[in-house]
N, C-alpha and C. Protein backbone atom coordinates (compact mmCIF):
# COMPACT_ATOMS: atom_id res chain seq x y z
N MET A 1 6.51 -17.12 -27.08
CA MET A 1 6.50 -15.76 -26.57
C MET A 1 6.90 -15.78 -25.10
N ALA A 2 7.78 -14.91 -24.70
CA ALA A 2 8.25 -14.84 -23.32
C ALA A 2 7.14 -14.36 -22.39
N SER A 3 7.20 -14.80 -21.16
CA SER A 3 6.23 -14.38 -20.15
C SER A 3 6.40 -12.89 -19.84
N GLN A 4 5.29 -12.20 -19.77
CA GLN A 4 5.33 -10.78 -19.41
C GLN A 4 5.64 -10.66 -17.92
N LEU A 5 6.68 -9.93 -17.57
CA LEU A 5 7.07 -9.83 -16.17
C LEU A 5 6.58 -8.55 -15.51
N THR A 6 6.03 -7.61 -16.27
CA THR A 6 5.47 -6.41 -15.67
C THR A 6 3.95 -6.48 -15.80
N THR A 7 3.29 -6.20 -14.71
CA THR A 7 1.85 -6.30 -14.65
C THR A 7 1.31 -5.09 -13.91
N SER A 8 0.20 -4.54 -14.39
CA SER A 8 -0.37 -3.37 -13.74
C SER A 8 -1.04 -3.75 -12.42
N PHE A 9 -1.19 -2.78 -11.57
CA PHE A 9 -1.87 -3.00 -10.29
C PHE A 9 -3.28 -3.53 -10.52
N ALA A 10 -3.99 -2.99 -11.50
CA ALA A 10 -5.36 -3.42 -11.80
C ALA A 10 -5.40 -4.90 -12.22
N GLU A 11 -4.40 -5.34 -13.00
CA GLU A 11 -4.34 -6.75 -13.41
C GLU A 11 -4.07 -7.65 -12.21
N ILE A 12 -3.17 -7.22 -11.35
CA ILE A 12 -2.87 -8.00 -10.14
C ILE A 12 -4.11 -8.09 -9.26
N GLU A 13 -4.76 -6.96 -9.04
CA GLU A 13 -5.96 -6.93 -8.22
C GLU A 13 -7.05 -7.85 -8.79
N ALA A 14 -7.23 -7.84 -10.10
CA ALA A 14 -8.24 -8.70 -10.73
C ALA A 14 -7.90 -10.18 -10.56
N LYS A 15 -6.62 -10.53 -10.68
CA LYS A 15 -6.22 -11.93 -10.50
C LYS A 15 -6.44 -12.39 -9.05
N VAL A 16 -6.09 -11.52 -8.11
CA VAL A 16 -6.28 -11.86 -6.69
C VAL A 16 -7.77 -12.03 -6.40
N ARG A 17 -8.57 -11.13 -6.88
CA ARG A 17 -10.03 -11.23 -6.66
C ARG A 17 -10.58 -12.51 -7.27
N ALA A 18 -10.14 -12.85 -8.47
CA ALA A 18 -10.61 -14.09 -9.11
C ALA A 18 -10.19 -15.32 -8.31
N LEU A 19 -8.96 -15.31 -7.80
CA LEU A 19 -8.49 -16.43 -6.98
C LEU A 19 -9.31 -16.54 -5.70
N HIS A 20 -9.56 -15.41 -5.04
CA HIS A 20 -10.38 -15.42 -3.82
C HIS A 20 -11.78 -15.95 -4.10
N MET A 21 -12.37 -15.53 -5.20
CA MET A 21 -13.72 -16.01 -5.55
C MET A 21 -13.70 -17.51 -5.83
N GLU A 22 -12.68 -17.97 -6.53
CA GLU A 22 -12.56 -19.40 -6.80
C GLU A 22 -12.41 -20.19 -5.50
N MET A 23 -11.61 -19.66 -4.57
CA MET A 23 -11.45 -20.33 -3.28
C MET A 23 -12.77 -20.35 -2.52
N TRP A 24 -13.49 -19.25 -2.55
CA TRP A 24 -14.78 -19.20 -1.86
C TRP A 24 -15.76 -20.20 -2.48
N ASP A 25 -15.76 -20.26 -3.80
CA ASP A 25 -16.68 -21.17 -4.50
C ASP A 25 -16.34 -22.64 -4.29
N THR A 26 -15.09 -22.94 -3.96
CA THR A 26 -14.67 -24.33 -3.75
C THR A 26 -14.34 -24.61 -2.28
N GLN A 27 -14.90 -23.81 -1.40
CA GLN A 27 -14.57 -23.93 0.02
C GLN A 27 -14.86 -25.31 0.60
N VAL A 28 -15.86 -25.99 0.10
CA VAL A 28 -16.21 -27.31 0.64
C VAL A 28 -15.06 -28.29 0.43
N SER A 29 -14.37 -28.20 -0.70
CA SER A 29 -13.25 -29.11 -0.93
C SER A 29 -11.96 -28.61 -0.29
N LEU A 30 -11.81 -27.29 -0.14
CA LEU A 30 -10.60 -26.76 0.50
C LEU A 30 -10.61 -26.92 2.01
N TRP A 31 -11.78 -26.75 2.60
CA TRP A 31 -11.93 -26.86 4.06
C TRP A 31 -13.10 -27.79 4.38
N PRO A 32 -12.95 -29.08 4.11
CA PRO A 32 -14.07 -30.01 4.33
C PRO A 32 -14.54 -30.03 5.79
N GLY A 33 -15.82 -29.86 5.97
CA GLY A 33 -16.42 -29.92 7.31
C GLY A 33 -16.16 -28.73 8.19
N GLU A 34 -15.54 -27.68 7.66
CA GLU A 34 -15.23 -26.51 8.47
C GLU A 34 -16.12 -25.34 8.09
N ARG A 35 -16.37 -24.50 9.07
CA ARG A 35 -17.08 -23.25 8.81
C ARG A 35 -16.06 -22.24 8.28
N VAL A 36 -16.35 -21.64 7.13
CA VAL A 36 -15.39 -20.78 6.45
C VAL A 36 -15.86 -19.33 6.51
N THR A 37 -14.89 -18.44 6.74
CA THR A 37 -15.17 -17.01 6.72
C THR A 37 -14.49 -16.39 5.50
N PRO A 38 -14.91 -15.19 5.09
CA PRO A 38 -14.23 -14.55 3.96
C PRO A 38 -12.73 -14.36 4.17
N LEU A 39 -12.28 -14.24 5.41
CA LEU A 39 -10.85 -14.09 5.68
C LEU A 39 -10.07 -15.37 5.35
N ASP A 40 -10.73 -16.52 5.42
CA ASP A 40 -10.06 -17.78 5.14
C ASP A 40 -9.52 -17.85 3.72
N VAL A 41 -10.14 -17.12 2.78
CA VAL A 41 -9.66 -17.18 1.40
C VAL A 41 -8.34 -16.43 1.22
N CYS A 42 -7.82 -15.87 2.30
CA CYS A 42 -6.51 -15.22 2.26
C CYS A 42 -5.41 -16.17 2.72
N ASP A 43 -5.73 -17.44 2.88
CA ASP A 43 -4.78 -18.44 3.35
C ASP A 43 -3.92 -18.94 2.19
N PRO A 44 -2.62 -18.64 2.19
CA PRO A 44 -1.77 -19.06 1.06
C PRO A 44 -1.65 -20.57 0.92
N GLU A 45 -1.69 -21.29 2.03
CA GLU A 45 -1.60 -22.75 1.95
C GLU A 45 -2.83 -23.31 1.21
N ALA A 46 -4.00 -22.76 1.50
CA ALA A 46 -5.21 -23.21 0.81
C ALA A 46 -5.17 -22.84 -0.68
N ALA A 47 -4.64 -21.67 -0.98
CA ALA A 47 -4.50 -21.26 -2.39
C ALA A 47 -3.56 -22.20 -3.13
N ALA A 48 -2.47 -22.59 -2.48
CA ALA A 48 -1.54 -23.54 -3.09
C ALA A 48 -2.23 -24.89 -3.32
N ARG A 49 -2.99 -25.34 -2.32
CA ARG A 49 -3.73 -26.61 -2.46
C ARG A 49 -4.70 -26.56 -3.63
N LEU A 50 -5.38 -25.42 -3.78
CA LEU A 50 -6.32 -25.25 -4.89
C LEU A 50 -5.61 -25.43 -6.23
N ARG A 51 -4.40 -24.97 -6.32
CA ARG A 51 -3.61 -25.08 -7.55
C ARG A 51 -2.83 -26.39 -7.62
N ARG A 52 -3.07 -27.27 -6.65
CA ARG A 52 -2.41 -28.57 -6.55
C ARG A 52 -0.89 -28.44 -6.37
N TYR A 53 -0.52 -27.47 -5.55
CA TYR A 53 0.87 -27.26 -5.17
C TYR A 53 1.02 -27.60 -3.70
N GLU A 54 2.20 -28.07 -3.35
CA GLU A 54 2.54 -28.26 -1.95
C GLU A 54 3.04 -26.92 -1.42
N TYR A 55 2.64 -26.59 -0.21
CA TYR A 55 3.10 -25.36 0.45
C TYR A 55 3.86 -25.77 1.69
N ARG A 56 5.10 -25.28 1.81
CA ARG A 56 5.93 -25.61 2.96
C ARG A 56 6.51 -24.36 3.58
N GLU A 57 6.60 -24.36 4.90
CA GLU A 57 7.34 -23.35 5.64
C GLU A 57 8.45 -24.08 6.37
N GLY A 58 9.63 -23.50 6.36
CA GLY A 58 10.75 -24.12 7.05
C GLY A 58 12.04 -23.50 6.60
N LEU A 59 13.11 -24.28 6.72
CA LEU A 59 14.42 -23.82 6.29
C LEU A 59 14.43 -23.81 4.77
N VAL A 60 14.69 -22.66 4.20
CA VAL A 60 14.77 -22.53 2.74
C VAL A 60 16.23 -22.28 2.41
N ASP A 61 16.84 -23.22 1.72
CA ASP A 61 18.27 -23.17 1.42
C ASP A 61 18.49 -22.71 -0.01
N ASP A 62 19.53 -21.94 -0.21
CA ASP A 62 19.89 -21.48 -1.54
C ASP A 62 21.38 -21.68 -1.73
N ALA A 63 21.76 -22.83 -2.25
CA ALA A 63 23.18 -23.12 -2.45
C ALA A 63 23.82 -22.18 -3.46
N GLY A 64 23.01 -21.55 -4.30
CA GLY A 64 23.57 -20.68 -5.33
C GLY A 64 23.76 -19.24 -4.91
N SER A 65 23.45 -18.88 -3.67
CA SER A 65 23.64 -17.49 -3.25
C SER A 65 25.12 -17.19 -3.11
N LEU A 66 25.47 -15.95 -3.26
CA LEU A 66 26.87 -15.53 -3.27
C LEU A 66 27.47 -15.62 -1.87
N ALA A 67 28.11 -16.73 -1.61
CA ALA A 67 28.82 -16.94 -0.34
C ALA A 67 27.96 -16.61 0.86
N GLY A 68 26.68 -16.95 0.80
CA GLY A 68 25.79 -16.71 1.92
C GLY A 68 25.42 -15.26 2.13
N ARG A 69 25.64 -14.41 1.15
CA ARG A 69 25.34 -12.98 1.32
C ARG A 69 23.85 -12.69 1.22
N TYR A 70 23.06 -13.62 0.75
CA TYR A 70 21.63 -13.41 0.62
C TYR A 70 20.87 -14.46 1.41
N GLU A 71 19.79 -14.04 2.02
CA GLU A 71 18.91 -14.99 2.70
C GLU A 71 17.71 -15.22 1.80
N LEU A 72 17.39 -16.46 1.57
CA LEU A 72 16.27 -16.80 0.72
C LEU A 72 14.98 -16.72 1.53
N ALA A 73 14.01 -15.93 1.06
CA ALA A 73 12.73 -15.77 1.76
C ALA A 73 11.72 -16.79 1.28
N GLY A 74 11.78 -17.14 0.00
CA GLY A 74 10.84 -18.10 -0.53
C GLY A 74 11.15 -18.43 -1.96
N PHE A 75 10.47 -19.47 -2.48
CA PHE A 75 10.63 -19.80 -3.88
C PHE A 75 9.43 -20.59 -4.38
N ILE A 76 9.31 -20.62 -5.70
CA ILE A 76 8.32 -21.45 -6.36
C ILE A 76 9.07 -22.35 -7.33
N ASP A 77 8.70 -23.61 -7.34
CA ASP A 77 9.29 -24.58 -8.27
C ASP A 77 8.14 -25.30 -8.95
N ARG A 78 7.85 -24.92 -10.18
CA ARG A 78 6.73 -25.51 -10.91
C ARG A 78 6.96 -26.99 -11.21
N THR A 79 8.20 -27.37 -11.46
CA THR A 79 8.49 -28.77 -11.77
C THR A 79 8.10 -29.67 -10.61
N ARG A 80 8.42 -29.24 -9.40
CA ARG A 80 8.08 -30.03 -8.20
C ARG A 80 6.72 -29.66 -7.64
N ARG A 81 6.06 -28.64 -8.24
CA ARG A 81 4.76 -28.15 -7.76
C ARG A 81 4.87 -27.78 -6.27
N LEU A 82 5.82 -26.90 -5.99
CA LEU A 82 6.16 -26.55 -4.62
C LEU A 82 6.29 -25.04 -4.46
N ILE A 83 5.70 -24.53 -3.39
CA ILE A 83 5.92 -23.16 -2.94
C ILE A 83 6.48 -23.28 -1.53
N ALA A 84 7.65 -22.66 -1.31
CA ALA A 84 8.29 -22.74 0.00
C ALA A 84 8.57 -21.34 0.53
N VAL A 85 8.38 -21.18 1.84
CA VAL A 85 8.58 -19.90 2.51
C VAL A 85 9.42 -20.16 3.76
N ALA A 86 10.44 -19.33 3.96
CA ALA A 86 11.30 -19.47 5.13
C ALA A 86 10.50 -19.17 6.40
N ASP A 87 10.71 -19.99 7.42
CA ASP A 87 9.94 -19.82 8.66
C ASP A 87 10.63 -18.92 9.68
N ARG A 88 11.78 -18.37 9.35
CA ARG A 88 12.52 -17.56 10.33
C ARG A 88 12.02 -16.12 10.41
N PHE A 89 11.06 -15.76 9.57
CA PHE A 89 10.55 -14.40 9.54
C PHE A 89 9.26 -14.27 10.35
N SER A 90 8.83 -13.04 10.56
CA SER A 90 7.58 -12.78 11.28
C SER A 90 6.40 -13.32 10.47
N PRO A 91 5.26 -13.54 11.13
CA PRO A 91 4.07 -14.00 10.40
C PRO A 91 3.69 -13.07 9.24
N GLN A 92 3.87 -11.77 9.43
CA GLN A 92 3.52 -10.83 8.37
C GLN A 92 4.43 -10.99 7.15
N ILE A 93 5.71 -11.17 7.37
CA ILE A 93 6.64 -11.33 6.26
C ILE A 93 6.41 -12.67 5.57
N LYS A 94 6.13 -13.71 6.35
CA LYS A 94 5.83 -15.01 5.74
C LYS A 94 4.58 -14.94 4.88
N LEU A 95 3.55 -14.25 5.37
CA LEU A 95 2.31 -14.10 4.60
C LEU A 95 2.57 -13.32 3.32
N PHE A 96 3.33 -12.22 3.41
CA PHE A 96 3.66 -11.44 2.23
C PHE A 96 4.44 -12.28 1.22
N THR A 97 5.44 -13.03 1.70
CA THR A 97 6.27 -13.84 0.81
C THR A 97 5.44 -14.93 0.14
N ALA A 98 4.57 -15.58 0.91
CA ALA A 98 3.71 -16.61 0.33
C ALA A 98 2.80 -16.02 -0.74
N ALA A 99 2.20 -14.87 -0.45
CA ALA A 99 1.33 -14.21 -1.44
C ALA A 99 2.13 -13.81 -2.67
N HIS A 100 3.36 -13.36 -2.46
CA HIS A 100 4.23 -12.97 -3.57
C HIS A 100 4.53 -14.17 -4.47
N GLU A 101 4.84 -15.30 -3.87
CA GLU A 101 5.12 -16.52 -4.66
C GLU A 101 3.87 -16.99 -5.39
N LEU A 102 2.71 -16.91 -4.74
CA LEU A 102 1.46 -17.25 -5.42
C LEU A 102 1.20 -16.30 -6.58
N GLY A 103 1.61 -15.04 -6.42
CA GLY A 103 1.50 -14.08 -7.51
C GLY A 103 2.31 -14.51 -8.72
N HIS A 104 3.52 -15.02 -8.48
CA HIS A 104 4.31 -15.54 -9.59
C HIS A 104 3.57 -16.70 -10.27
N LEU A 105 2.97 -17.56 -9.47
CA LEU A 105 2.23 -18.70 -10.01
C LEU A 105 1.08 -18.24 -10.91
N GLU A 106 0.33 -17.26 -10.44
CA GLU A 106 -0.85 -16.79 -11.17
C GLU A 106 -0.51 -15.88 -12.35
N LEU A 107 0.50 -15.05 -12.20
CA LEU A 107 0.76 -14.00 -13.19
C LEU A 107 1.81 -14.36 -14.24
N HIS A 108 2.67 -15.32 -13.94
CA HIS A 108 3.77 -15.63 -14.85
C HIS A 108 3.83 -17.13 -15.14
N PRO A 109 2.93 -17.64 -15.96
CA PRO A 109 2.88 -19.09 -16.21
C PRO A 109 4.15 -19.67 -16.82
N GLY A 110 4.97 -18.85 -17.47
CA GLY A 110 6.20 -19.35 -18.08
C GLY A 110 7.37 -19.41 -17.12
N LEU A 111 7.21 -18.89 -15.92
CA LEU A 111 8.28 -18.87 -14.92
C LEU A 111 8.30 -20.22 -14.21
N HIS A 112 9.37 -20.98 -14.39
CA HIS A 112 9.39 -22.35 -13.86
C HIS A 112 10.02 -22.46 -12.47
N HIS A 113 10.99 -21.63 -12.19
CA HIS A 113 11.64 -21.71 -10.90
C HIS A 113 12.07 -20.28 -10.55
N HIS A 114 11.67 -19.83 -9.36
CA HIS A 114 11.97 -18.46 -8.98
C HIS A 114 12.29 -18.41 -7.50
N ARG A 115 13.37 -17.71 -7.15
CA ARG A 115 13.78 -17.57 -5.75
C ARG A 115 13.67 -16.12 -5.34
N GLU A 116 13.25 -15.88 -4.10
CA GLU A 116 13.19 -14.52 -3.54
C GLU A 116 14.27 -14.39 -2.48
N ARG A 117 15.10 -13.38 -2.63
CA ARG A 117 16.15 -13.14 -1.64
C ARG A 117 15.79 -11.95 -0.80
């Protein structure tokens, strides 16, 4: 069966809340020896670590874009267990893009490789 690509706001909200609760419950392993606040569970790098994914910010290249007409903001690669976000954007855009890629990870288990332009 193909992965469902449309999800209601309530389903997304429930998945995010469950992920935040899981991060809070495992805070000792995510942030060993650190004092954790509820805001810390909004850290995309920690969420990626929880899912045993590498999280990288930096130059994100897309050789398949149409003659450079698109800038790649981020991608998820399940085969390599990697979430990457371009570092050339503002902190707010990077945070949004990282959360968006984590959303693909949580909501679309059949999606193996996805790029955001």
